[in-house]
Protein backbone atom coordinates (compact mmCIF):
# COMPACT_ATOMS: atom_id res chain seq x y z
CA MET A 1 -16.69 -71.01 33.16
CA THR A 2 -17.20 -72.76 29.83
CA THR A 3 -14.20 -72.72 27.51
CA TYR A 4 -13.84 -73.60 23.84
CA LYS A 5 -11.17 -74.59 21.35
CA THR A 6 -10.73 -72.76 18.05
CA ALA A 7 -12.55 -75.48 16.09
CA GLU A 8 -15.43 -75.43 18.57
CA VAL A 9 -15.82 -71.65 18.24
CA ALA A 10 -15.75 -71.96 14.45
CA ALA A 11 -18.43 -74.66 14.53
CA ILE A 12 -20.70 -72.63 16.80
CA ILE A 13 -20.34 -69.47 14.71
CA GLY A 14 -20.43 -71.26 11.36
CA VAL A 15 -17.06 -70.15 10.00
CA HIS A 16 -13.69 -71.73 9.20
CA PRO A 17 -11.20 -71.91 12.12
CA ASN A 18 -8.89 -69.63 10.12
CA THR A 19 -11.60 -66.98 10.25
CA VAL A 20 -11.56 -67.09 14.04
CA ARG A 21 -7.77 -66.66 13.95
CA LEU A 22 -8.22 -63.73 11.55
CA TYR A 23 -10.65 -62.09 13.96
CA GLU A 24 -7.94 -62.34 16.62
CA LYS A 25 -5.28 -60.94 14.29
CA LEU A 26 -7.52 -57.97 13.41
CA GLU A 27 -8.25 -57.37 17.12
CA LEU A 28 -11.98 -57.93 16.59
CA ILE A 29 -12.02 -60.40 19.49
CA PRO A 30 -10.00 -60.40 22.74
CA LYS A 31 -6.68 -62.20 22.56
CA PRO A 32 -7.43 -65.66 24.02
CA GLU A 33 -5.33 -67.27 26.70
CA ARG A 34 -3.26 -70.31 25.71
CA LEU A 35 -2.68 -73.67 27.30
CA SER A 36 0.83 -75.01 27.89
CA ASN A 37 0.58 -76.84 24.55
CA GLY A 38 -0.18 -73.56 22.75
CA TYR A 39 -3.87 -74.23 22.14
CA ARG A 40 -6.10 -71.16 22.35
CA VAL A 41 -8.76 -71.03 25.05
CA PHE A 42 -11.93 -69.12 24.19
CA THR A 43 -14.79 -68.09 26.48
CA ASP A 44 -18.47 -67.22 26.14
CA PHE A 45 -17.39 -63.61 25.58
CA HIS A 46 -15.48 -64.70 22.48
CA ILE A 47 -18.53 -66.57 21.21
CA LYS A 48 -20.79 -63.55 21.66
CA GLN A 49 -18.23 -61.19 20.15
CA CYS A 50 -17.88 -63.44 17.09
CA LYS A 51 -21.65 -63.39 16.67
CA LEU A 52 -21.54 -59.60 16.90
CA ILE A 53 -18.89 -59.52 14.16
CA ARG A 54 -21.00 -61.72 11.92
CA LEU A 55 -24.02 -59.49 12.51
CA ALA A 56 -22.09 -56.26 11.92
CA PHE A 57 -20.63 -57.48 8.61
CA GLN A 58 -23.94 -58.75 7.22
CA VAL A 59 -24.49 -55.43 5.46
CA GLU A 60 -22.00 -54.08 2.92
CA ILE A 61 -22.32 -50.33 3.40
CA LEU A 62 -18.98 -48.77 2.56
CA GLN A 63 -19.48 -45.11 1.72
CA ASN A 64 -18.36 -42.17 3.83
CA GLY A 65 -16.43 -44.25 6.36
CA LEU A 66 -19.39 -46.35 7.55
CA ARG A 67 -17.51 -49.66 7.33
CA LYS A 68 -14.53 -48.12 9.14
CA LYS A 69 -16.83 -46.89 11.93
CA ILE A 70 -18.45 -50.28 12.48
CA THR A 71 -15.02 -51.95 12.50
CA GLN A 72 -13.87 -49.49 15.15
CA MET A 73 -16.97 -50.37 17.18
CA LEU A 74 -16.08 -54.06 17.08
CA LYS A 75 -12.54 -53.41 18.29
CA VAL A 76 -13.85 -51.32 21.18
CA SER A 77 -16.41 -54.01 22.08
CA ALA A 78 -13.63 -56.63 22.01
CA ARG A 79 -11.90 -54.64 24.74
CA GLY A 80 -15.06 -54.76 26.85
CA ASP A 81 -15.82 -51.04 26.52
CA PHE A 82 -19.50 -51.52 25.71
CA ASP A 83 -20.55 -47.95 26.49
CA THR A 84 -18.22 -46.59 23.81
CA ALA A 85 -19.23 -49.37 21.41
CA ILE A 86 -22.89 -48.41 21.91
CA MET A 87 -22.05 -44.74 21.31
CA LEU A 88 -20.20 -45.57 18.07
CA THR A 89 -23.11 -47.70 16.87
CA GLU A 90 -25.57 -44.88 17.60
CA GLU A 91 -23.35 -42.55 15.51
CA TYR A 92 -23.28 -45.19 12.77
CA LEU A 93 -27.07 -45.43 12.85
CA LYS A 94 -27.42 -41.65 12.73
CA GLN A 95 -25.18 -41.50 9.66
CA ILE A 96 -27.13 -44.29 7.93
CA LYS A 97 -30.35 -42.32 8.50
CA GLN A 98 -28.70 -39.25 6.97
CA GLU A 99 -27.53 -41.28 3.96
CA ARG A 100 -31.11 -42.50 3.57
CA ARG A 101 -32.41 -38.92 3.63
CA ASN A 102 -29.80 -38.03 1.01
CA THR A 103 -31.11 -40.74 -1.32
CA GLU A 104 -34.65 -39.39 -1.04
CA GLU A 105 -33.49 -35.82 -1.54
CA ALA A 106 -31.63 -36.87 -4.69
CA ILE A 107 -34.82 -38.44 -6.06
CA LYS A 108 -36.70 -35.18 -5.37
CA CYS A 109 -33.96 -33.26 -7.19
CA VAL A 110 -34.20 -35.54 -10.21
CA LYS A 111 -37.98 -35.09 -10.34
CA GLN A 112 -37.53 -31.31 -10.15
CA ILE A 113 -34.90 -31.32 -12.90
CA ILE A 114 -37.20 -33.32 -15.17
CA SER A 115 -40.12 -31.04 -14.31
CA ASP A 116 -38.09 -27.91 -15.10
CA GLY A 117 -37.14 -29.27 -18.51
CA HIS A 118 -34.42 -27.65 -20.64
CA GLN A 119 -34.24 -24.16 -19.19
CA GLU A 120 -30.60 -23.25 -19.71
CA ASN A 121 -30.77 -22.09 -23.35
CA LEU A 122 -26.98 -22.06 -23.37
CA HIS A 123 -26.49 -23.73 -26.75
CA ASN A 124 -23.49 -25.94 -27.39
CA LEU A 125 -21.10 -25.34 -24.50
CA LYS A 126 -17.59 -26.77 -24.45
CA ARG A 127 -16.55 -29.25 -21.77
CA ARG A 128 -14.62 -26.72 -19.72
CA ASP A 129 -17.61 -24.33 -19.75
CA VAL A 130 -19.87 -27.14 -18.55
CA SER A 131 -17.36 -27.97 -15.83
CA LYS A 132 -17.58 -24.40 -14.49
CA LEU A 133 -21.35 -24.17 -14.90
CA LEU A 134 -22.12 -27.34 -12.94
CA ASP A 135 -19.06 -27.29 -10.66
CA ILE A 136 -17.99 -30.70 -11.94
CA SER A 137 -14.36 -31.43 -12.77
CA VAL A 138 -13.37 -32.10 -16.37
CA ASP A 139 -12.05 -35.52 -15.29
CA THR A 140 -15.44 -36.37 -13.77
CA LEU A 141 -17.23 -35.39 -16.97
CA ARG A 142 -14.80 -37.50 -18.96
CA ASN A 143 -15.34 -40.46 -16.59
CA TRP A 144 -19.13 -40.25 -16.90
CA GLU A 145 -18.84 -40.20 -20.68
CA MET A 146 -16.46 -43.16 -20.69
CA ASN A 147 -18.93 -45.11 -18.54
CA GLY A 148 -21.75 -44.51 -21.01
CA LEU A 149 -23.82 -42.08 -18.92
CA LEU A 150 -23.60 -39.42 -21.59
CA THR A 151 -22.84 -39.31 -25.32
CA VAL A 152 -21.73 -35.85 -26.38
CA LYS A 153 -21.84 -34.70 -29.97
CA ARG A 154 -18.75 -33.25 -31.64
CA LYS A 155 -18.36 -30.36 -34.03
CA ASP A 156 -16.50 -30.72 -37.29
CA ASN A 157 -13.29 -29.59 -35.54
CA GLY A 158 -13.61 -32.47 -33.05
CA TYR A 159 -14.61 -30.38 -30.03
CA ARG A 160 -17.40 -31.72 -27.85
CA VAL A 161 -20.46 -29.50 -27.56
CA TYR A 162 -23.02 -29.92 -24.79
CA THR A 163 -26.67 -29.18 -25.49
CA ASP A 164 -29.36 -28.12 -23.01
CA GLU A 165 -30.48 -31.75 -22.95
CA ASP A 166 -26.94 -32.80 -22.01
CA ILE A 167 -26.91 -30.24 -19.19
CA GLN A 168 -30.18 -31.62 -17.84
CA ARG A 169 -28.80 -35.16 -18.00
CA LEU A 170 -25.63 -34.08 -16.18
CA LYS A 171 -27.66 -32.45 -13.41
CA ILE A 172 -29.49 -35.74 -12.88
CA ILE A 173 -26.21 -37.67 -12.78
CA ARG A 174 -24.65 -35.18 -10.36
CA SER A 175 -27.61 -35.31 -7.97
CA LEU A 176 -27.58 -39.11 -7.83
CA LYS A 177 -23.79 -39.44 -7.55
CA CYS A 178 -23.79 -37.01 -4.60
CA ALA A 179 -26.15 -39.44 -2.85
CA ASN A 180 -23.79 -42.37 -3.64
CA TYR A 181 -25.93 -44.15 -6.23
CA SER A 182 -23.81 -46.38 -8.46
CA LEU A 183 -23.05 -45.58 -12.09
CA GLU A 184 -24.95 -48.73 -13.04
CA ALA A 185 -28.08 -47.59 -11.18
CA ILE A 186 -27.86 -44.12 -12.71
CA LEU A 187 -27.41 -45.51 -16.21
CA ARG A 188 -30.38 -47.81 -15.66
CA LEU A 189 -32.52 -44.81 -14.69
CA LEU A 190 -31.35 -42.65 -17.61
CA GLN A 191 -32.21 -45.41 -20.05
CA GLN A 192 -35.71 -45.68 -18.58
CA LEU A 193 -36.21 -41.91 -18.58
CA SER A 194 -35.31 -41.75 -22.26
CA VAL A 195 -38.24 -44.10 -22.90
CA ASN A 196 -40.68 -42.69 -20.33
CA SER A 197 -40.12 -39.39 -18.50
CA LYS A 198 -42.79 -40.41 -15.95
CA THR A 199 -40.97 -43.61 -14.95
CA ASN A 200 -40.93 -44.57 -11.26
CA ILE A 201 -37.50 -43.22 -10.31
CA ARG A 202 -37.25 -44.90 -6.90
CA ALA A 203 -38.28 -48.29 -8.28
CA VAL A 204 -35.81 -48.18 -11.17
CA LEU A 205 -32.90 -47.14 -8.94
CA ASN A 206 -33.53 -50.14 -6.68
CA SER A 207 -34.19 -52.77 -9.35
CA PRO A 208 -30.97 -54.15 -10.86
CA LYS A 209 -31.39 -56.17 -14.02
CA GLN A 210 -31.67 -59.91 -13.47
CA SER A 211 -28.98 -60.36 -16.11
CA ASP A 212 -26.42 -58.30 -14.15
CA GLU A 213 -23.64 -60.66 -13.03
CA ILE A 214 -22.43 -58.43 -10.21
CA ILE A 215 -24.80 -56.29 -8.15
CA SER A 216 -23.35 -53.90 -5.57
CA VAL A 217 -25.19 -52.35 -2.64
CA CYS A 218 -25.12 -48.99 -4.46
CA ASP A 219 -27.10 -50.59 -7.31
CA LYS A 220 -30.00 -50.89 -4.84
CA LEU A 221 -28.99 -48.17 -2.41
CA ILE A 222 -32.31 -47.41 -0.72
CA LEU A 223 -32.94 -51.06 0.09
CA SER A 224 -29.36 -51.52 1.32
CA LEU A 225 -29.54 -48.52 3.64
CA SER A 226 -32.87 -49.75 5.01
CA SER A 227 -31.24 -53.12 5.74
CA ALA A 228 -28.29 -51.36 7.36
CA LYS A 229 -30.66 -49.43 9.62
CA ARG A 230 -32.36 -52.63 10.83
CA ASN A 231 -28.95 -54.22 11.26
CA ALA A 232 -27.73 -51.33 13.41
CA TYR A 233 -30.68 -51.68 15.78
CA ALA A 234 -29.89 -55.40 16.10
CA ILE A 235 -26.27 -54.56 16.90
CA LEU A 236 -27.35 -52.13 19.61
CA GLU A 237 -29.58 -54.77 21.16
CA MET A 238 -26.71 -57.28 21.23
CA LEU A 239 -24.29 -54.73 22.72
CA HIS A 240 -26.69 -53.94 25.56
CA GLU A 241 -27.04 -57.66 26.21
CA MET A 242 -23.25 -58.11 26.22
CA LYS A 243 -22.88 -55.19 28.62
CA ILE A 244 -25.17 -56.93 31.11
CA LEU A 245 -23.46 -60.32 30.67
CA PHE A 246 -19.79 -59.36 30.61
CA SER A 247 -19.28 -55.95 32.31
C-alpha cells in the first residue's frame, strides 16, 4: 500500500499542507494514522477523498442548504459510506434541478407581469397597504428601497405613496428574489427594462457588468446552477469509482 506524508498529499492535490490538516479537522477526510514520531500517514483513499473535496467545492452554490448538503456528503464519504454519499449527492442534484426550474419560472413571471402592464388601478397606496397586498414585510420593502431597487415618491406630509408602476416593479422584484437572484442582478434588469421593456431578461440576469468588482454566483444564477449540475454529475462519477476502489 502506498503511503504519503502531509506535504506529499498537498503537492498532489495542489493545496497548502495546512489545508490538508483543515480537511482532517473538519472530518472531510479520514483521520490518518501516525508514526511514532507523530507524522501523519495518508493513503490513496485520502488522496481520492481530497480530490473529491476539491471537486465538490468548485461551485459556490449556497442557497437553501445546498452547501450544507454537499459538506454532509463529504463527511459520509470520508467514513467510507459511499452508498449514502451517492444518495446525498443525488438529492443535491435533484435540488439543483429544482432551483434551475425556479429561475426559469421567475423569468416567465416577470414576462407575464410586464405583459399585463399596470392593472391594479389602486392609486397611491401606503407602505403598509402594499405590504398586505403583495404579502411582503414592511422591513423587506424598506430593504429593497435602501438598496436602490425602488424609489418611492412622498406626499407633502412625508408619507410614501406607491403607484401602480411601483406595484408592478415590486412584483418583478418579488418573483426574482423568490428564485434567489441577487439584488445586483435584479437592479441590473430593472435598469434595462426602464430603457427597453423588450430586453432579453435571461441574458441581462446572467451578465454582470465588467466594472463590478465583486460578482457572486447569484449575479449569474442560471449559469451557476448549470455549472453546479455538471459538477454534481462529476461527483457522482467519482463516488462510484471510489466505491469500487475502497469498499
